Amino acid sequence: MYYVRILLIILAGLLAFFVIQNLRVAPSLPHSLPDLAETAKDILNEVEVKVLNPPPLRVPGLAHKATLTRVGVIRETNIERQKNGLAPIVENAALDRAAEVKIADMFARQFFAHVAPDGQTAGELAAASGYASISTGENLALGNFKGDQDLVEAWMASPGHRANILHGTFPEIGVAVKKGTFEGQATWLAVQIFGRPRTDCPEVNTGLGSAIEQNKTALGMLRATIENQQEALEAMDQSDRTAYNQKVDEYNAVVAEYNKLADEVKSEVAVYNQQVNLVNKCFEAGEK
C-alpha cells in the first residue's frame, strides 16, 4: 500500500508538470499610453495672434507743406532700429495692403482706433490680406507732421510705439500714409503694421497626430477584444487542454498585436510631442 501511494504521488506530480508545461501563459498588457502634448496652436488654426497696440498717437497742429511717404517712413523706422542695434525691418506687400485697408476705413468711417467699429483688428486685416502671423503690432498716428522723420520721431517719443518699432522679433512691416478730412479737418493718418510670419516657427506633422489618434482608437478596440477573450478563458473548462490552449494562443496573438502597436504609438507620441514643444516655444518667443 505504501508503494502504491508513493507511485500515485509521483504520477500526480508528473501529470501536474505535464499540464503546466502545456498551459499557455497570456502576457500582460502594457501600462497606460502617454498622452499627446497640448496641441500646438496652429494645428487647428486656432492661433491666438499676439497683438501689440499702443494707444493711437494724435498730434495737434496746423498743416505743414510736407508729404508723408511709405518709403520714407520705413527708412526712418530702420534708422531708429539701426541706432539700437537691430536688423532692418523688411517691407511686406500683404502688410502694406492691410495698412492701406485700415487707413481707408478710418477715413471712411471716421474712427481712430486699433479696433474698427465692427471689431476688426490689425491681425485680422493682415490675415485677410494673406499674411499668417505669430504676432503683430500696430502703430497709428494722426496729425500734420513735418515729414517722415517727424512722424517716426513722434512715435519713438511714445513708449508703446517705440516698443513696436524696436521689437526684436518683428522682421516685417507694412505702412500706409494718407491725407484727408478727419473730424472736419485736413490731416494725415499713418499706419504701421508689424508682423512676425507663421513660417518663422517649425511645422508640426498634423498627419502624424491624426495617425496617433487612429492608432489609439485601434488599441482601444484591441483592448476590448482582449478583455472579452480573458472572460471567455476564465469561463472555459480547462480539462480540454487542446481547446483551451488554442484559445490562449488566440489571446496571446491579440496581446502581441496590441503591445506592438502600443510601442509604435509611444514612439510616435514622443516624436509628435517634441514637435509640438518646439512650436509652442517658438510662439512664446514671438509674444515677448
C-alpha atoms as a PDB file:
ATOM      1  CA  MET A   1       0.000   0.000   0.000  1.00  0.00           C
ATOM      2  CA  TYR A   2       2.823   2.293   0.872  1.00  0.00           C
ATOM      3  CA  TYR A   3       4.437   1.820  -2.512  1.00  0.00           C
ATOM      4  CA  VAL A   4       1.120   2.393  -4.251  1.00  0.00           C
ATOM      5  CA  ARG A   5       0.721   5.742  -2.513  1.00  0.00           C
ATOM      6  CA  ILE A   6       4.250   6.722  -3.493  1.00  0.00           C
ATOM      7  CA  LEU A   7       3.541   5.759  -7.081  1.00  0.00           C
ATOM      8  CA  LEU A   8       0.304   7.774  -7.105  1.00  0.00           C
ATOM      9  CA  ILE A   9       2.106  10.854  -5.762  1.00  0.00           C
ATOM     10  CA  ILE A  10       4.775  10.518  -8.435  1.00  0.00           C
ATOM     11  CA  LEU A  11       2.144  10.122 -11.148  1.00  0.00           C
ATOM     12  CA  ALA A  12       0.214  13.154  -9.858  1.00  0.00           C
ATOM     13  CA  GLY A  13       3.392  15.182  -9.891  1.00  0.00           C
ATOM     14  CA  LEU A  14       4.185  14.146 -13.434  1.00  0.00           C
ATOM     15  CA  LEU A  15       0.634  14.971 -14.530  1.00  0.00           C
ATOM     16  CA  ALA A  16       0.822  18.413 -12.934  1.00  0.00           C
ATOM     17  CA  PHE A  17       4.177  19.037 -14.588  1.00  0.00           C
ATOM     18  CA  PHE A  18       2.734  17.948 -17.924  1.00  0.00           C
ATOM     19  CA  VAL A  19      -0.289  20.275 -17.533  1.00  0.00           C
ATOM     20  CA  ILE A  20       1.878  23.211 -16.536  1.00  0.00           C
ATOM     21  CA  GLN A  21       4.209  22.657 -19.455  1.00  0.00           C
ATOM     22  CA  ASN A  22       1.298  22.582 -21.882  1.00  0.00           C
ATOM     23  CA  LEU A  23      -0.626  25.501 -20.417  1.00  0.00           C
ATOM     24  CA  ARG A  24      -0.222  28.674 -22.461  1.00  0.00           C
ATOM     25  CA  VAL A  25       0.519  31.756 -20.402  1.00  0.00           C
ATOM     26  CA  ALA A  26      -1.019  35.048 -21.510  1.00  0.00           C
ATOM     27  CA  PRO A  27       1.288  38.077 -21.391  1.00  0.00           C
ATOM     28  CA  SER A  28       0.140  41.171 -19.568  1.00  0.00           C
ATOM     29  CA  LEU A  29      -0.965  44.375 -21.267  1.00  0.00           C
ATOM     30  CA  PRO A  30       1.318  47.416 -21.109  1.00  0.00           C
ATOM     31  CA  HIS A  31       0.591  50.253 -18.747  1.00  0.00           C
ATOM     32  CA  SER A  32      -1.363  53.289 -19.886  1.00  0.00           C
ATOM     33  CA  LEU A  33      -0.173  55.036 -23.027  1.00  0.00           C
ATOM     34  CA  PRO A  34       1.366  58.503 -22.930  1.00  0.00           C
ATOM     35  CA  ASP A  35      -0.930  61.348 -23.903  1.00  0.00           C
ATOM     36  CA  LEU A  36      -0.310  63.746 -26.751  1.00  0.00           C
ATOM     37  CA  ALA A  37       1.138  67.065 -25.736  1.00  0.00           C
ATOM     38  CA  GLU A  38      -1.169  70.043 -25.714  1.00  0.00           C
ATOM     39  CA  THR A  39      -1.983  70.622 -29.337  1.00  0.00           C
ATOM     40  CA  ALA A  40       0.209  73.219 -30.993  1.00  0.00           C
ATOM     41  CA  LYS A  41      -1.850  76.326 -31.530  1.00  0.00           C
ATOM     42  CA  ASP A  42      -1.546  76.382 -35.276  1.00  0.00           C
ATOM     43  CA  ILE A  43      -2.515  72.737 -35.767  1.00  0.00           C
ATOM     44  CA  LEU A  44      -6.211  73.540 -35.535  1.00  0.00           C
ATOM     45  CA  ASN A  45      -5.804  77.040 -36.960  1.00  0.00           C
ATOM     46  CA  GLU A  46      -6.677  78.475 -33.574  1.00  0.00           C
ATOM     47  CA  VAL A  47      -3.653  80.687 -33.211  1.00  0.00           C
ATOM     48  CA  GLU A  48      -4.172  83.469 -30.747  1.00  0.00           C
ATOM     49  CA  VAL A  49      -2.060  86.073 -32.504  1.00  0.00           C
ATOM     50  CA  LYS A  50      -0.353  88.364 -30.057  1.00  0.00           C
ATOM     51  CA  VAL A  51      -1.167  91.976 -30.937  1.00  0.00           C
ATOM     52  CA  LEU A  52       0.762  94.924 -29.586  1.00  0.00           C
ATOM     53  CA  ASN A  53      -1.398  98.030 -29.851  1.00  0.00           C
ATOM     54  CA  PRO A  54      -0.248 101.147 -28.002  1.00  0.00           C
ATOM     55  CA  PRO A  55      -2.824 103.961 -27.729  1.00  0.00           C
ATOM     56  CA  PRO A  56      -3.099 105.813 -31.063  1.00  0.00           C
ATOM     57  CA  LEU A  57      -0.891 108.899 -31.330  1.00  0.00           C
ATOM     58  CA  ARG A  58      -2.744 112.149 -32.019  1.00  0.00           C
ATOM     59  CA  VAL A  59      -0.614 115.233 -32.650  1.00  0.00           C
ATOM     60  CA  PRO A  60      -2.466 118.581 -32.902  1.00  0.00           C
ATOM     61  CA  GLY A  61      -1.215 121.321 -35.152  1.00  0.00           C
ATOM     62  CA  LEU A  62      -1.712 123.162 -38.399  1.00  0.00           C
ATOM     63  CA  ALA A  63      -0.970 121.591 -41.753  1.00  0.00           C
ATOM     64  CA  HIS A  64       2.603 121.723 -42.992  1.00  0.00           C
ATOM     65  CA  LYS A  65       3.681 121.843 -46.563  1.00  0.00           C
ATOM     66  CA  ALA A  66       5.063 118.342 -46.271  1.00  0.00           C
ATOM     67  CA  THR A  67       4.213 114.918 -47.625  1.00  0.00           C
ATOM     68  CA  LEU A  68       4.423 111.631 -45.816  1.00  0.00           C
ATOM     69  CA  THR A  69       5.606 108.614 -47.805  1.00  0.00           C
ATOM     70  CA  ARG A  70       5.638 104.881 -47.220  1.00  0.00           C
ATOM     71  CA  VAL A  71       9.255 104.598 -48.341  1.00  0.00           C
ATOM     72  CA  GLY A  72      10.307 107.430 -46.055  1.00  0.00           C
ATOM     73  CA  VAL A  73       8.505 106.031 -43.010  1.00  0.00           C
ATOM     74  CA  ILE A  74      10.143 102.619 -43.479  1.00  0.00           C
ATOM     75  CA  ARG A  75      13.529 104.274 -43.999  1.00  0.00           C
ATOM     76  CA  GLU A  76      13.229 106.342 -40.815  1.00  0.00           C
ATOM     77  CA  THR A  77      11.982 103.283 -38.921  1.00  0.00           C
ATOM     78  CA  ASN A  78      15.079 101.350 -39.938  1.00  0.00           C
ATOM     79  CA  ILE A  79      17.325 104.247 -38.962  1.00  0.00           C
ATOM     80  CA  GLU A  80      15.914 104.020 -35.454  1.00  0.00           C
ATOM     81  CA  ARG A  81      16.355 100.248 -35.413  1.00  0.00           C
ATOM     82  CA  GLN A  82      19.930 100.585 -36.596  1.00  0.00           C
ATOM     83  CA  LYS A  83      20.655 103.082 -33.797  1.00  0.00           C
ATOM     84  CA  ASN A  84      19.505 100.424 -31.357  1.00  0.00           C
ATOM     85  CA  GLY A  85      21.495  97.560 -32.841  1.00  0.00           C
ATOM     86  CA  LEU A  86      18.582  95.867 -34.580  1.00  0.00           C
ATOM     87  CA  ALA A  87      18.410  94.390 -38.053  1.00  0.00           C
ATOM     88  CA  PRO A  88      16.462  96.355 -40.672  1.00  0.00           C
ATOM     89  CA  ILE A  89      12.767  95.597 -40.905  1.00  0.00           C
ATOM     90  CA  VAL A  90      11.584  94.390 -44.317  1.00  0.00           C
ATOM     91  CA  GLU A  91       8.571  95.719 -46.177  1.00  0.00           C
ATOM     92  CA  ASN A  92       5.883  93.120 -46.802  1.00  0.00           C
ATOM     93  CA  ALA A  93       3.288  93.612 -49.534  1.00  0.00           C
ATOM     94  CA  ALA A  94       0.490  91.854 -47.643  1.00  0.00           C
ATOM     95  CA  LEU A  95       1.066  94.049 -44.587  1.00  0.00           C
ATOM     96  CA  ASP A  96       1.100  97.106 -46.863  1.00  0.00           C
ATOM     97  CA  ARG A  97      -2.329  96.087 -48.164  1.00  0.00           C
ATOM     98  CA  ALA A  98      -3.619  95.607 -44.628  1.00  0.00           C
ATOM     99  CA  ALA A  99      -2.352  99.072 -43.634  1.00  0.00           C
ATOM    100  CA  GLU A 100      -3.970 100.628 -46.700  1.00  0.00           C
ATOM    101  CA  VAL A 101      -7.309  98.992 -45.899  1.00  0.00           C
ATOM    102  CA  LYS A 102      -7.065 100.248 -42.315  1.00  0.00           C
ATOM    103  CA  ILE A 103      -6.306 103.844 -43.239  1.00  0.00           C
ATOM    104  CA  ALA A 104      -9.055 103.970 -45.870  1.00  0.00           C
ATOM    105  CA  ASP A 105     -11.516 102.543 -43.342  1.00  0.00           C
ATOM    106  CA  MET A 106     -10.575 105.111 -40.674  1.00  0.00           C
ATOM    107  CA  PHE A 107     -11.225 107.982 -43.070  1.00  0.00           C
ATOM    108  CA  ALA A 108     -14.419 106.408 -44.419  1.00  0.00           C
ATOM    109  CA  ARG A 109     -15.970 105.660 -41.011  1.00  0.00           C
ATOM    110  CA  GLN A 110     -14.251 108.476 -39.118  1.00  0.00           C
ATOM    111  CA  PHE A 111     -12.711 106.453 -36.307  1.00  0.00           C
ATOM    112  CA  PHE A 112      -9.182 106.495 -34.960  1.00  0.00           C
ATOM    113  CA  ALA A 113      -8.574 103.269 -33.055  1.00  0.00           C
ATOM    114  CA  HIS A 114      -6.917  99.883 -33.305  1.00  0.00           C
ATOM    115  CA  VAL A 115     -10.272  98.121 -33.326  1.00  0.00           C
ATOM    116  CA  ALA A 116     -12.728  99.099 -36.030  1.00  0.00           C
ATOM    117  CA  PRO A 117     -16.422  99.704 -35.248  1.00  0.00           C
ATOM    118  CA  ASP A 118     -17.163  96.183 -36.498  1.00  0.00           C
ATOM    119  CA  GLY A 119     -14.458  94.705 -34.252  1.00  0.00           C
ATOM    120  CA  GLN A 120     -11.834  94.132 -36.917  1.00  0.00           C
ATOM    121  CA  THR A 121      -8.201  94.262 -35.753  1.00  0.00           C
ATOM    122  CA  ALA A 122      -4.820  94.659 -37.414  1.00  0.00           C
ATOM    123  CA  GLY A 123      -4.154  90.940 -37.064  1.00  0.00           C
ATOM    124  CA  GLU A 124      -7.404  90.137 -38.829  1.00  0.00           C
ATOM    125  CA  LEU A 125      -6.657  92.662 -41.562  1.00  0.00           C
ATOM    126  CA  ALA A 126      -3.242  91.075 -42.039  1.00  0.00           C
ATOM    127  CA  ALA A 127      -4.779  87.602 -42.235  1.00  0.00           C
ATOM    128  CA  ALA A 128      -7.376  88.825 -44.735  1.00  0.00           C
ATOM    129  CA  SER A 129      -4.527  90.186 -46.847  1.00  0.00           C
ATOM    130  CA  GLY A 130      -2.836  86.795 -46.870  1.00  0.00           C
ATOM    131  CA  TYR A 131      -0.383  87.294 -44.016  1.00  0.00           C
ATOM    132  CA  ALA A 132      -0.346  84.428 -41.496  1.00  0.00           C
ATOM    133  CA  SER A 133       1.306  85.745 -38.362  1.00  0.00           C
ATOM    134  CA  ILE A 134       2.587  84.646 -34.984  1.00  0.00           C
ATOM    135  CA  SER A 135       2.393  88.166 -33.645  1.00  0.00           C
ATOM    136  CA  THR A 136       1.542  91.624 -34.947  1.00  0.00           C
ATOM    137  CA  GLY A 137       1.857  95.187 -33.776  1.00  0.00           C
ATOM    138  CA  GLU A 138       0.142  98.349 -34.954  1.00  0.00           C
ATOM    139  CA  ASN A 139       1.163 101.980 -34.676  1.00  0.00           C
ATOM    140  CA  LEU A 140      -1.359 104.690 -35.548  1.00  0.00           C
ATOM    141  CA  ALA A 141      -0.773 108.405 -35.886  1.00  0.00           C
ATOM    142  CA  LEU A 142      -2.997 111.363 -36.732  1.00  0.00           C
ATOM    143  CA  GLY A 143      -1.672 114.865 -37.302  1.00  0.00           C
ATOM    144  CA  ASN A 144       0.077 117.285 -39.610  1.00  0.00           C
ATOM    145  CA  PHE A 145       3.692 116.185 -39.315  1.00  0.00           C
ATOM    146  CA  LYS A 146       6.623 117.978 -40.870  1.00  0.00           C
ATOM    147  CA  GLY A 147       7.677 114.846 -42.727  1.00  0.00           C
ATOM    148  CA  ASP A 148       8.531 111.165 -42.390  1.00  0.00           C
ATOM    149  CA  GLN A 149      11.281 111.792 -39.827  1.00  0.00           C
ATOM    150  CA  ASP A 150       8.984 113.949 -37.683  1.00  0.00           C
ATOM    151  CA  LEU A 151       6.328 111.228 -37.700  1.00  0.00           C
ATOM    152  CA  VAL A 152       8.722 108.424 -36.703  1.00  0.00           C
ATOM    153  CA  GLU A 153      10.337 110.613 -34.034  1.00  0.00           C
ATOM    154  CA  ALA A 154       6.872 111.237 -32.566  1.00  0.00           C
ATOM    155  CA  TRP A 155       6.278 107.502 -32.399  1.00  0.00           C
ATOM    156  CA  MET A 156       9.714 106.979 -30.860  1.00  0.00           C
ATOM    157  CA  ALA A 157       8.870 109.507 -28.125  1.00  0.00           C
ATOM    158  CA  SER A 158       5.909 107.309 -27.120  1.00  0.00           C
ATOM    159  CA  PRO A 159       6.963 104.192 -25.138  1.00  0.00           C
ATOM    160  CA  GLY A 160       4.361 101.874 -26.662  1.00  0.00           C
ATOM    161  CA  HIS A 161       5.013 102.898 -30.260  1.00  0.00           C
ATOM    162  CA  ARG A 162       8.763 102.824 -29.657  1.00  0.00           C
ATOM    163  CA  ALA A 163       8.435  99.253 -28.360  1.00  0.00           C
ATOM    164  CA  ASN A 164       6.800  98.170 -31.620  1.00  0.00           C
ATOM    165  CA  ILE A 165       9.442  99.878 -33.764  1.00  0.00           C
ATOM    166  CA  LEU A 166      12.246  98.278 -31.716  1.00  0.00           C
ATOM    167  CA  HIS A 167      10.544  94.910 -31.225  1.00  0.00           C
ATOM    168  CA  GLY A 168      13.274  92.342 -31.860  1.00  0.00           C
ATOM    169  CA  THR A 169      11.002  89.624 -33.227  1.00  0.00           C
ATOM    170  CA  PHE A 170       9.180  91.753 -35.817  1.00  0.00           C
ATOM    171  CA  PRO A 171      11.058  91.188 -39.098  1.00  0.00           C
ATOM    172  CA  GLU A 172       8.390  92.623 -41.427  1.00  0.00           C
ATOM    173  CA  ILE A 173       6.314  95.773 -41.766  1.00  0.00           C
ATOM    174  CA  GLY A 174       3.532  97.302 -43.801  1.00  0.00           C
ATOM    175  CA  VAL A 175       2.937 101.056 -43.973  1.00  0.00           C
ATOM    176  CA  ALA A 176       0.208 103.332 -45.268  1.00  0.00           C
ATOM    177  CA  VAL A 177       0.021 107.145 -45.118  1.00  0.00           C
ATOM    178  CA  LYS A 178      -2.791 109.294 -46.438  1.00  0.00           C
ATOM    179  CA  LYS A 179      -4.053 112.862 -46.195  1.00  0.00           C
ATOM    180  CA  GLY A 180      -7.755 113.506 -45.989  1.00  0.00           C
ATOM    181  CA  THR A 181     -10.527 115.050 -43.949  1.00  0.00           C
ATOM    182  CA  PHE A 182     -10.952 113.722 -40.442  1.00  0.00           C
ATOM    183  CA  GLU A 183     -13.398 115.251 -37.992  1.00  0.00           C
ATOM    184  CA  GLY A 184     -13.758 118.225 -40.333  1.00  0.00           C
ATOM    185  CA  GLN A 185     -10.023 118.985 -40.534  1.00  0.00           C
ATOM    186  CA  ALA A 186      -7.455 118.293 -43.241  1.00  0.00           C
ATOM    187  CA  THR A 187      -4.915 115.951 -41.685  1.00  0.00           C
ATOM    188  CA  TRP A 188      -2.651 112.958 -42.221  1.00  0.00           C
ATOM    189  CA  LEU A 189      -3.253 109.453 -40.975  1.00  0.00           C
ATOM    190  CA  ALA A 190      -0.409 106.988 -40.739  1.00  0.00           C
ATOM    191  CA  VAL A 191      -0.450 103.255 -40.084  1.00  0.00           C
ATOM    192  CA  GLN A 192       2.386 100.842 -39.359  1.00  0.00           C
ATOM    193  CA  ILE A 193       1.562  97.137 -39.095  1.00  0.00           C
ATOM    194  CA  PHE A 194       4.412  94.963 -37.854  1.00  0.00           C
ATOM    195  CA  GLY A 195       4.409  91.204 -38.247  1.00  0.00           C
ATOM    196  CA  ARG A 196       6.221  88.017 -37.454  1.00  0.00           C
ATOM    197  CA  PRO A 197       5.205  85.417 -40.052  1.00  0.00           C
ATOM    198  CA  ARG A 198       3.959  81.972 -39.136  1.00  0.00           C
ATOM    199  CA  THR A 199       6.783  80.497 -41.230  1.00  0.00           C
ATOM    200  CA  ASP A 200       9.246  81.606 -38.539  1.00  0.00           C
ATOM    201  CA  CYS A 201       8.120  78.619 -36.474  1.00  0.00           C
ATOM    202  CA  PRO A 202       8.622  74.956 -37.411  1.00  0.00           C
ATOM    203  CA  GLU A 203       5.711  72.933 -38.693  1.00  0.00           C
ATOM    204  CA  VAL A 204       4.011  70.139 -36.802  1.00  0.00           C
ATOM    205  CA  ASN A 205       3.247  66.942 -38.692  1.00  0.00           C
ATOM    206  CA  THR A 206      -0.525  67.027 -38.387  1.00  0.00           C
ATOM    207  CA  GLY A 207      -0.720  63.754 -40.300  1.00  0.00           C
ATOM    208  CA  LEU A 208       1.287  62.109 -37.520  1.00  0.00           C
ATOM    209  CA  GLY A 209      -1.125  63.476 -34.925  1.00  0.00           C
ATOM    210  CA  SER A 210      -4.074  62.029 -36.851  1.00  0.00           C
ATOM    211  CA  ALA A 211      -2.312  58.675 -37.227  1.00  0.00           C
ATOM    212  CA  ILE A 212      -1.674  58.548 -33.484  1.00  0.00           C
ATOM    213  CA  GLU A 213      -5.331  59.162 -32.708  1.00  0.00           C
ATOM    214  CA  GLN A 214      -6.366  56.451 -35.179  1.00  0.00           C
ATOM    215  CA  ASN A 215      -3.881  54.013 -33.644  1.00  0.00           C
ATOM    216  CA  LYS A 216      -5.141  54.804 -30.154  1.00  0.00           C
ATOM    217  CA  THR A 217      -8.662  54.015 -31.346  1.00  0.00           C
ATOM    218  CA  ALA A 218      -7.393  50.724 -32.760  1.00  0.00           C
ATOM    219  CA  LEU A 219      -5.707  49.991 -29.418  1.00  0.00           C
ATOM    220  CA  GLY A 220      -8.996  50.587 -27.652  1.00  0.00           C
ATOM    221  CA  MET A 221     -10.695  48.059 -29.896  1.00  0.00           C
ATOM    222  CA  LEU A 222      -7.912  45.523 -29.343  1.00  0.00           C
ATOM    223  CA  ARG A 223      -8.128  46.018 -25.588  1.00  0.00           C
ATOM    224  CA  ALA A 224     -11.867  45.356 -25.697  1.00  0.00           C
ATOM    225  CA  THR A 225     -11.205  42.160 -27.671  1.00  0.00           C
ATOM    226  CA  ILE A 226      -8.579  41.084 -25.140  1.00  0.00           C
ATOM    227  CA  GLU A 227     -10.890  41.689 -22.210  1.00  0.00           C
ATOM    228  CA  ASN A 228     -13.616  39.615 -23.869  1.00  0.00           C
ATOM    229  CA  GLN A 229     -11.115  36.812 -24.525  1.00  0.00           C
ATOM    230  CA  GLN A 230      -9.961  36.948 -20.916  1.00  0.00           C
ATOM    231  CA  GLU A 231     -13.512  36.463 -19.698  1.00  0.00           C
ATOM    232  CA  ALA A 232     -14.010  33.578 -22.103  1.00  0.00           C
ATOM    233  CA  LEU A 233     -10.798  31.891 -20.924  1.00  0.00           C
ATOM    234  CA  GLU A 234     -11.770  32.229 -17.288  1.00  0.00           C
ATOM    235  CA  ALA A 235     -15.123  30.603 -18.013  1.00  0.00           C
ATOM    236  CA  MET A 236     -13.686  27.697 -20.030  1.00  0.00           C
ATOM    237  CA  ASP A 237     -13.426  24.121 -18.818  1.00  0.00           C
ATOM    238  CA  GLN A 238      -9.647  23.632 -18.755  1.00  0.00           C
ATOM    239  CA  SER A 239      -9.913  19.873 -18.831  1.00  0.00           C
ATOM    240  CA  ASP A 240      -9.896  20.030 -22.626  1.00  0.00           C
ATOM    241  CA  ARG A 241      -6.286  21.233 -22.892  1.00  0.00           C
ATOM    242  CA  THR A 242      -6.281  21.334 -26.703  1.00  0.00           C
ATOM    243  CA  ALA A 243      -9.275  23.662 -26.939  1.00  0.00           C
ATOM    244  CA  TYR A 244      -8.108  25.758 -24.011  1.00  0.00           C
ATOM    245  CA  ASN A 245      -4.569  26.179 -25.353  1.00  0.00           C
ATOM    246  CA  GLN A 246      -5.967  27.157 -28.752  1.00  0.00           C
ATOM    247  CA  LYS A 247      -7.935  29.968 -27.121  1.00  0.00           C
ATOM    248  CA  VAL A 248      -4.870  31.037 -25.138  1.00  0.00           C
ATOM    249  CA  ASP A 249      -2.852  31.149 -28.370  1.00  0.00           C
ATOM    250  CA  GLU A 250      -5.518  33.343 -29.949  1.00  0.00           C
ATOM    251  CA  TYR A 251      -5.481  35.570 -26.885  1.00  0.00           C
ATOM    252  CA  ASN A 252      -1.694  35.828 -26.906  1.00  0.00           C
ATOM    253  CA  ALA A 253      -1.707  36.744 -30.603  1.00  0.00           C
ATOM    254  CA  VAL A 254      -4.053  39.664 -29.950  1.00  0.00           C
ATOM    255  CA  VAL A 255      -1.983  40.770 -26.924  1.00  0.00           C
ATOM    256  CA  ALA A 256       1.184  40.658 -29.042  1.00  0.00           C
ATOM    257  CA  GLU A 257      -0.529  42.774 -31.698  1.00  0.00           C
ATOM    258  CA  TYR A 258      -1.661  45.211 -29.013  1.00  0.00           C
ATOM    259  CA  ASN A 259       1.807  45.505 -27.475  1.00  0.00           C
ATOM    260  CA  LYS A 260       3.460  46.002 -30.856  1.00  0.00           C
ATOM    261  CA  LEU A 261       1.039  48.773 -31.790  1.00  0.00           C
ATOM    262  CA  ALA A 262       1.365  50.309 -28.323  1.00  0.00           C
ATOM    263  CA  ASP A 263       5.155  50.508 -28.737  1.00  0.00           C
ATOM    264  CA  GLU A 264       4.690  52.189 -32.122  1.00  0.00           C
ATOM    265  CA  VAL A 265       2.271  54.706 -30.628  1.00  0.00           C
ATOM    266  CA  LYS A 266       4.685  55.506 -27.795  1.00  0.00           C
ATOM    267  CA  SER A 267       7.438  56.254 -30.324  1.00  0.00           C
ATOM    268  CA  GLU A 268       5.089  58.349 -32.465  1.00  0.00           C
ATOM    269  CA  VAL A 269       3.853  60.287 -29.445  1.00  0.00           C
ATOM    270  CA  ALA A 270       7.441  61.071 -28.406  1.00  0.00           C
ATOM    271  CA  VAL A 271       8.215  62.499 -31.870  1.00  0.00           C
ATOM    272  CA  TYR A 272       4.939  64.400 -32.054  1.00  0.00           C
ATOM    273  CA  ASN A 273       5.289  65.903 -28.585  1.00  0.00           C
ATOM    274  CA  GLN A 274       8.787  67.087 -29.402  1.00  0.00           C
ATOM    275  CA  GLN A 275       7.475  68.860 -32.497  1.00  0.00           C
ATOM    276  CA  VAL A 276       4.648  70.457 -30.532  1.00  0.00           C
ATOM    277  CA  ASN A 277       7.003  71.669 -27.803  1.00  0.00           C
ATOM    278  CA  LEU A 278       9.292  73.290 -30.379  1.00  0.00           C
ATOM    279  CA  VAL A 279       6.350  75.085 -31.986  1.00  0.00           C
ATOM    280  CA  ASN A 280       4.992  76.287 -28.651  1.00  0.00           C
ATOM    281  CA  LYS A 281       8.413  77.591 -27.595  1.00  0.00           C
ATOM    282  CA  CYS A 282       8.631  79.473 -30.898  1.00  0.00           C
ATOM    283  CA  PHE A 283       5.193  81.021 -30.358  1.00  0.00           C
ATOM    284  CA  GLU A 284       6.070  82.002 -26.809  1.00  0.00           C
ATOM    285  CA  ALA A 285       9.241  83.702 -28.035  1.00  0.00           C
ATOM    286  CA  GLY A 286       7.146  85.685 -30.513  1.00  0.00           C
ATOM    287  CA  GLU A 287       4.995  87.036 -27.682  1.00  0.00           C
ATOM    288  CA  LYS A 288       7.843  88.587 -25.736  1.00  0.00           C
END
